[in-house]
Each structure stands twice: as structure tokens, then as C-alpha cells.
């Protein structure tokens, strides 16, 4: 097994080290390649450096930093760094913070896994939900550290390499508690009235800046969702595709043709 590891928190992020450790239990060291952004790229979704070149720096054996985005890292790995012997698995994360519900649409961690799937490679995004209990842990990534390998194995045992159409990728979120109740296979949820907003700031010279701010990550949601599973102590596992078609609405328009 050849593994490409990336993230959106940057090449020096603690969650990346967690994922490296998990990968070493899956394959030999020489088959693991770390290709991650030079700096934090949270919230860039599936952005790629289409209009400008990206810089690739080799840090050490099988370890590279990229000036671009998480999806760029996957493209660079498949088509350049690992071109002669491409990866059979892309692991993205472990993200510091959840990528459940609406966060999926903004996440660079998810963007990397999505790109891996578009390239035909089995891809898994892994994120660590944070909360009040996280601050009491010896390491806020403990739920991912202790349960990550079993979840990855669960996915690999069920993953299918089908021909045609959008390939499935997997979104995994670890709960903000060390007492993990199990794995819940659930759909992507939606936190009601939880959207990004702005916090304005004006300098002494009168220049105005807007800081983007997120919403409440611990709001109650419907029971059958990734967020509900996470906040109830379960690891959420959500199979996903890049297809954004609203199938349920197509018939409404077809009737009027």
C-alpha cells in the first residue's frame, strides 16, 4: 500500500503527526509520503492553484511542503512526487476541529479527499471535533489516536473500486470525548442558523477590516446526522461523492418541459 498524507492545517500541524503514526501501522515507512501546505490553509475547500504556479520544497525523504492548497498537494503527489508509483490511499487530516455538517463545504481537509477521489484514489478525510472535554485531555487528538486505525480498516474493508461515475470518498469525525461509544454511519447534517458571519474592526486611521467568524459548533441538530453522532460520543463515518445534484428537485422541472 502506498499512502499520500496531507492536511489543511499545514506541514507542522500536530494532527498531521497523528496521521503519520496511524499510517505506519498500515504500511512500511518508505511507502508513506507527506505532502502538505507550507502554512495553514483552513477554509479553502477544493481550491487549486489554477492561475499561478505552486512551490514544492523537499524537507526530507518522502516529506514535502507545497505553497498551494490541500487539493494541490494531492495533485502534486499523484502526478509528480509519486508519479512512477502512485498512491493507493489518500489520508487527509487529522484536522484540528470538526468537518461535520456545513463545515464540509468549506474544509480544505475535505477538499483534499475529494480531489483524491476525483483522481480515482481511495481517500479518507479525518477530523477531530473539539469541545470542553478536549481541554482536559492529555492530547486533544486522543480520540483520533486511539480509534483512527480501526476506522480506517473498516473503510478499507468496504471500499469498492467501481468504474465510471464519481468515486466515493469518506468523511470521518472523532467526537470531543475520550469515551467513544462506537462508529455511526450517518449522513451529513446541518446546524440550524449556523453560518459564517463577520466581525468588523476599524483602525485608528479609519481603515475597516472584516474578520470572518464561525457559528456555534455545539448546537442541537437532528438525531440522524454526523454532528449529532459526534456530540453523542460516536465517531461519524459519512460516505460522500462530489456530485452536488439535487436529485429530489429534478422532477419538479422536468414536469414543466
Protein backbone atom coordinates (compact mmCIF):
# COMPACT_ATOMS: atom_id res chain seq x y z
CA UNK A 1 0.00 0.00 0.00
CA UNK A 2 1.26 3.44 -0.99
CA UNK A 3 -0.11 6.30 1.12
CA UNK A 4 -0.21 10.03 0.44
CA UNK A 5 -0.82 12.11 3.58
CA UNK A 6 -1.91 15.73 3.52
CA UNK A 7 -3.95 18.25 5.52
CA UNK A 8 -5.10 21.88 5.58
CA UNK A 9 -3.52 22.87 8.91
CA UNK A 10 -0.01 22.93 7.47
CA UNK A 11 3.13 20.80 7.34
CA UNK A 12 3.92 21.34 11.05
CA UNK A 13 0.41 20.69 12.41
CA UNK A 14 0.09 18.21 15.31
CA UNK A 15 -2.79 16.40 13.60
CA UNK A 16 -0.53 15.56 10.67
CA UNK A 17 1.84 13.77 13.05
CA UNK A 18 -1.10 11.76 14.38
CA UNK A 19 -1.97 10.66 10.86
CA UNK A 20 1.65 9.75 10.11
CA UNK A 21 1.66 7.46 13.14
CA UNK A 22 -1.57 5.78 12.02
CA UNK A 23 -0.18 5.31 8.51
CA UNK A 24 2.89 3.49 9.86
CA UNK A 25 0.55 0.80 11.14
CA UNK A 26 -0.83 0.34 7.62
CA UNK A 27 2.34 0.09 5.53
CA UNK A 28 6.12 0.40 5.54
CA UNK A 29 7.77 3.77 6.14
CA UNK A 30 9.12 4.01 2.58
CA UNK A 31 5.57 3.79 1.20
CA UNK A 32 4.36 6.86 3.11
CA UNK A 33 4.64 10.31 1.52
CA UNK A 34 3.75 13.51 3.39
CA UNK A 35 2.82 16.41 1.10
CA UNK A 36 1.17 19.27 2.98
CA UNK A 37 0.71 23.04 2.67
CA UNK A 38 3.58 25.25 3.79
CA UNK A 39 1.20 27.21 6.02
CA UNK A 40 -2.35 26.82 7.31
CA UNK A 41 -4.97 26.61 4.56
CA UNK A 42 -8.14 26.06 6.58
CA UNK A 43 -11.38 27.02 4.85
CA UNK A 44 -10.07 26.83 1.28
CA UNK A 45 -12.33 23.89 0.36
CA UNK A 46 -11.41 22.35 -3.02
CA UNK A 47 -9.37 25.34 -4.19
CA UNK A 48 -6.50 24.67 -6.62
CA UNK A 49 -3.65 26.89 -7.83
CA UNK A 50 -5.01 27.13 -11.35
CA UNK A 51 -3.76 30.64 -12.19
CA UNK A 52 -0.33 30.58 -10.57
CA UNK A 53 2.46 28.04 -10.02
CA UNK A 54 2.96 26.45 -6.63
CA UNK A 55 6.32 25.92 -4.97
CA UNK A 56 7.30 22.40 -3.95
CA UNK A 57 10.02 22.05 -1.27
CA UNK A 58 11.54 18.75 -0.24
CA UNK A 59 12.03 18.83 3.53
CA UNK A 60 13.37 15.32 3.99
CA UNK A 61 12.91 11.87 2.49
CA UNK A 62 9.27 11.44 1.40
CA UNK A 63 8.30 14.74 3.05
CA UNK A 64 7.34 17.86 1.07
CA UNK A 65 5.68 21.21 1.59
CA UNK A 66 3.60 22.97 -1.05
CA UNK A 67 2.87 26.70 -1.27
CA UNK A 68 -0.61 25.96 -2.60
CA UNK A 69 -3.70 24.27 -1.21
CA UNK A 70 -4.62 20.78 0.08
CA UNK A 71 -6.06 19.71 -3.28
CA UNK A 72 -2.81 20.93 -4.89
CA UNK A 73 -0.88 18.62 -2.56
CA UNK A 74 -2.85 15.62 -3.79
CA UNK A 75 -2.36 16.59 -7.43
CA UNK A 76 1.36 17.15 -6.85
CA UNK A 77 1.66 13.79 -5.16
CA UNK A 78 -0.17 11.76 -7.78
CA UNK A 79 1.23 13.46 -10.87
CA UNK A 80 4.74 14.42 -9.78
CA UNK A 81 6.21 13.21 -6.48
CA UNK A 82 4.71 9.71 -6.66
CA UNK A 83 4.18 9.63 -10.42
CA UNK A 84 6.18 6.44 -11.04
CA UNK A 85 4.33 4.54 -8.33
CA UNK A 86 1.11 6.44 -7.40
CA UNK A 87 -0.67 6.16 -4.05
CA UNK A 88 -3.45 3.68 -3.46
CA UNK A 89 -4.71 5.66 -0.46
CA UNK A 90 -5.00 9.37 0.37
CA UNK A 91 -5.36 10.32 4.03
CA UNK A 92 -6.23 13.94 4.85
CA UNK A 93 -6.01 15.35 8.39
CA UNK A 94 -6.22 14.86 11.23
CA UNK A 95 -7.89 18.25 11.22
CA UNK A 96 -7.95 20.31 14.40
CA UNK A 97 -11.69 20.89 14.63
CA UNK A 98 -14.70 19.15 13.15
CA UNK A 99 -15.63 18.90 9.50
CA UNK A 100 -19.20 17.83 10.13
CA UNK A 101 -22.39 19.35 8.66
CA UNK A 102 -21.94 22.62 6.73
CA UNK A 103 -18.21 22.68 7.55
CA UNK A 104 -17.78 20.02 4.87
CA UNK A 105 -18.35 22.65 2.17
CA UNK A 106 -15.55 24.92 3.40
CA UNK A 107 -12.98 22.39 4.54
CA UNK A 108 -9.60 22.05 2.87
CA UNK A 109 -9.30 18.67 4.60
CA UNK A 110 -12.38 17.52 2.72
CA UNK A 111 -11.13 19.23 -0.45
CA UNK A 112 -8.01 17.06 -0.46
CA UNK A 113 -10.03 13.85 -0.05
CA UNK A 114 -12.44 14.97 -2.75
CA UNK A 115 -9.52 15.56 -5.13
CA UNK A 116 -8.12 12.14 -4.34
CA UNK A 117 -11.46 10.57 -5.22
CA UNK A 118 -11.64 12.56 -8.48
CA UNK A 119 -8.22 11.14 -9.30
CA UNK A 120 -9.57 7.63 -8.69
CA UNK A 121 -7.78 7.00 -5.39
CA UNK A 122 -9.43 5.76 -2.19
CA UNK A 123 -9.50 8.85 0.03
CA UNK A 124 -10.38 9.49 3.66
CA UNK A 125 -10.71 12.83 5.48
CA UNK A 126 -10.26 12.63 9.25
CA UNK A 127 -11.08 15.41 11.73
CA UNK A 128 -11.09 15.82 15.49
CA UNK A 129 -14.13 17.53 16.98
CA UNK A 130 -13.12 19.84 19.85
CA UNK A 131 -15.12 20.80 22.93
CA UNK A 132 -14.89 21.45 26.67
CA UNK A 133 -13.64 17.91 27.36
CA UNK A 134 -10.81 18.32 24.85
CA UNK A 135 -9.07 20.80 27.14
CA UNK A 136 -8.93 18.18 29.91
CA UNK A 137 -7.29 15.53 27.72
CA UNK A 138 -3.53 14.91 27.76
CA UNK A 139 -3.82 15.37 23.99
CA UNK A 140 -6.96 16.77 22.28
CA UNK A 141 -6.37 14.27 19.46
CA UNK A 142 -6.64 11.25 21.78
CA UNK A 143 -9.97 10.05 20.30
CA UNK A 144 -8.37 10.02 16.84
CA UNK A 145 -5.14 8.48 18.12
CA UNK A 146 -6.89 5.58 19.86
CA UNK A 147 -9.63 4.93 17.28
CA UNK A 148 -8.28 6.12 13.94
CA UNK A 149 -6.70 2.87 12.82
CA UNK A 150 -9.82 0.76 13.38
CA UNK A 151 -11.97 3.23 11.41
CA UNK A 152 -9.52 3.30 8.50
CA UNK A 153 -9.51 -0.51 8.41
CA UNK A 154 -13.32 -0.52 8.49
CA UNK A 155 -13.39 1.73 5.43
CA UNK A 156 -10.72 -0.15 3.50
CA UNK A 157 -12.56 -3.42 4.05
CA UNK A 158 -15.72 -1.99 2.48
CA UNK A 159 -14.30 0.34 -0.19
CA UNK A 160 -15.15 -0.63 -3.78
CA UNK A 161 -13.26 0.33 -6.90
CA UNK A 162 -16.11 0.89 -9.32
CA UNK A 163 -15.72 2.06 -12.92
CA UNK A 164 -17.44 5.23 -14.10
CA UNK A 165 -19.16 7.99 -12.16
CA UNK A 166 -17.89 9.90 -9.16
CA UNK A 167 -15.86 7.76 -6.79
CA UNK A 168 -16.92 7.70 -3.14
CA UNK A 169 -14.65 9.27 -0.53
CA UNK A 170 -15.06 9.15 3.23
CA UNK A 171 -15.53 11.79 5.91
CA UNK A 172 -14.62 10.73 9.45
CA UNK A 173 -15.09 12.90 12.54
CA UNK A 174 -13.93 11.86 16.00
CA UNK A 175 -16.04 13.00 18.96
CA UNK A 176 -14.81 15.52 21.57
CA UNK A 177 -14.65 12.86 24.28
CA UNK A 178 -12.30 10.03 25.18
CA UNK A 179 -15.25 7.75 25.98
CA UNK A 180 -16.04 6.71 22.40
CA UNK A 181 -19.24 4.69 22.06
CA UNK A 182 -18.58 3.34 18.56
CA UNK A 183 -18.85 4.25 14.90
CA UNK A 184 -22.08 5.69 13.47
CA UNK A 185 -22.59 5.63 9.70
CA UNK A 186 -24.63 8.79 9.23
CA UNK A 187 -25.44 11.45 6.60
CA UNK A 188 -24.04 14.96 6.57
CA UNK A 189 -26.04 17.16 8.91
CA UNK A 190 -26.88 20.85 9.10
CA UNK A 191 -26.61 23.06 12.16
CA UNK A 192 -29.70 25.33 12.11
CA UNK A 193 -28.90 29.02 11.65
CA UNK A 194 -25.18 28.35 11.92
CA UNK A 195 -23.45 30.25 9.16
CA UNK A 196 -20.28 32.26 8.80
CA UNK A 197 -20.52 35.94 9.61
CA UNK A 198 -18.20 38.91 10.06
CA UNK A 199 -16.67 40.80 12.94
CA UNK A 200 -15.79 44.34 11.77
CA UNK A 201 -12.72 46.18 13.01
CA UNK A 202 -11.67 49.75 12.28
CA UNK A 203 -8.11 51.01 12.69
CA UNK A 204 -7.17 54.35 14.22
CA UNK A 205 -6.62 55.65 10.70
CA UNK A 206 -10.20 54.78 9.77
CA UNK A 207 -9.49 51.71 7.60
CA UNK A 208 -12.08 48.99 8.04
CA UNK A 209 -11.33 45.27 8.19
CA UNK A 210 -13.72 42.33 8.39
CA UNK A 211 -12.80 39.16 10.25
CA UNK A 212 -14.74 36.07 9.21
CA UNK A 213 -16.18 34.23 12.21
CA UNK A 214 -17.87 30.87 12.51
CA UNK A 215 -21.03 29.84 14.31
CA UNK A 216 -21.81 27.65 17.31
CA UNK A 217 -20.36 24.18 16.75
CA UNK A 218 -22.30 22.57 19.59
CA UNK A 219 -25.85 23.47 18.62
CA UNK A 220 -28.51 20.74 18.73
CA UNK A 221 -29.26 19.06 15.41
CA UNK A 222 -31.40 16.21 14.06
CA UNK A 223 -30.52 12.81 15.52
CA UNK A 224 -29.56 11.14 12.24
CA UNK A 225 -26.54 13.28 11.36
CA UNK A 226 -22.78 13.49 11.73
CA UNK A 227 -22.95 16.34 14.26
CA UNK A 228 -25.45 14.53 16.48
CA UNK A 229 -23.31 11.40 16.41
CA UNK A 230 -20.17 13.32 17.35
CA UNK A 231 -21.81 15.22 20.21
CA UNK A 232 -23.26 11.92 21.49
CA UNK A 233 -19.82 10.33 21.72
CA UNK A 234 -19.74 8.47 18.40
CA UNK A 235 -17.27 8.59 15.54
CA UNK A 236 -19.18 9.67 12.46
CA UNK A 237 -18.49 7.96 9.14
CA UNK A 238 -20.08 9.54 6.09
CA UNK A 239 -19.51 8.20 2.55
CA UNK A 240 -19.56 11.13 0.09
CA UNK A 241 -19.39 11.95 -3.61
CA UNK A 242 -18.50 15.11 -5.49
CA UNK A 243 -21.87 15.08 -7.29
CA UNK A 244 -23.89 18.05 -5.96
CA UNK A 245 -27.03 17.34 -7.98
CA UNK A 246 -30.30 17.84 -6.07
CA UNK A 247 -31.93 14.67 -7.42
CA UNK A 248 -35.11 15.28 -5.41
CA UNK A 249 -35.79 18.53 -7.30
CA UNK A 250 -35.17 17.41 -10.87
CA UNK A 251 -38.67 16.05 -11.40
CA UNK A 252 -40.15 19.43 -10.47
CA UNK A 253 -38.54 20.99 -13.52
CA UNK A 254 -38.98 18.04 -15.86
CA UNK A 255 -42.76 18.24 -15.43
CA UNK A 256 -42.76 21.74 -16.91
CA UNK A 257 -40.86 20.82 -20.08
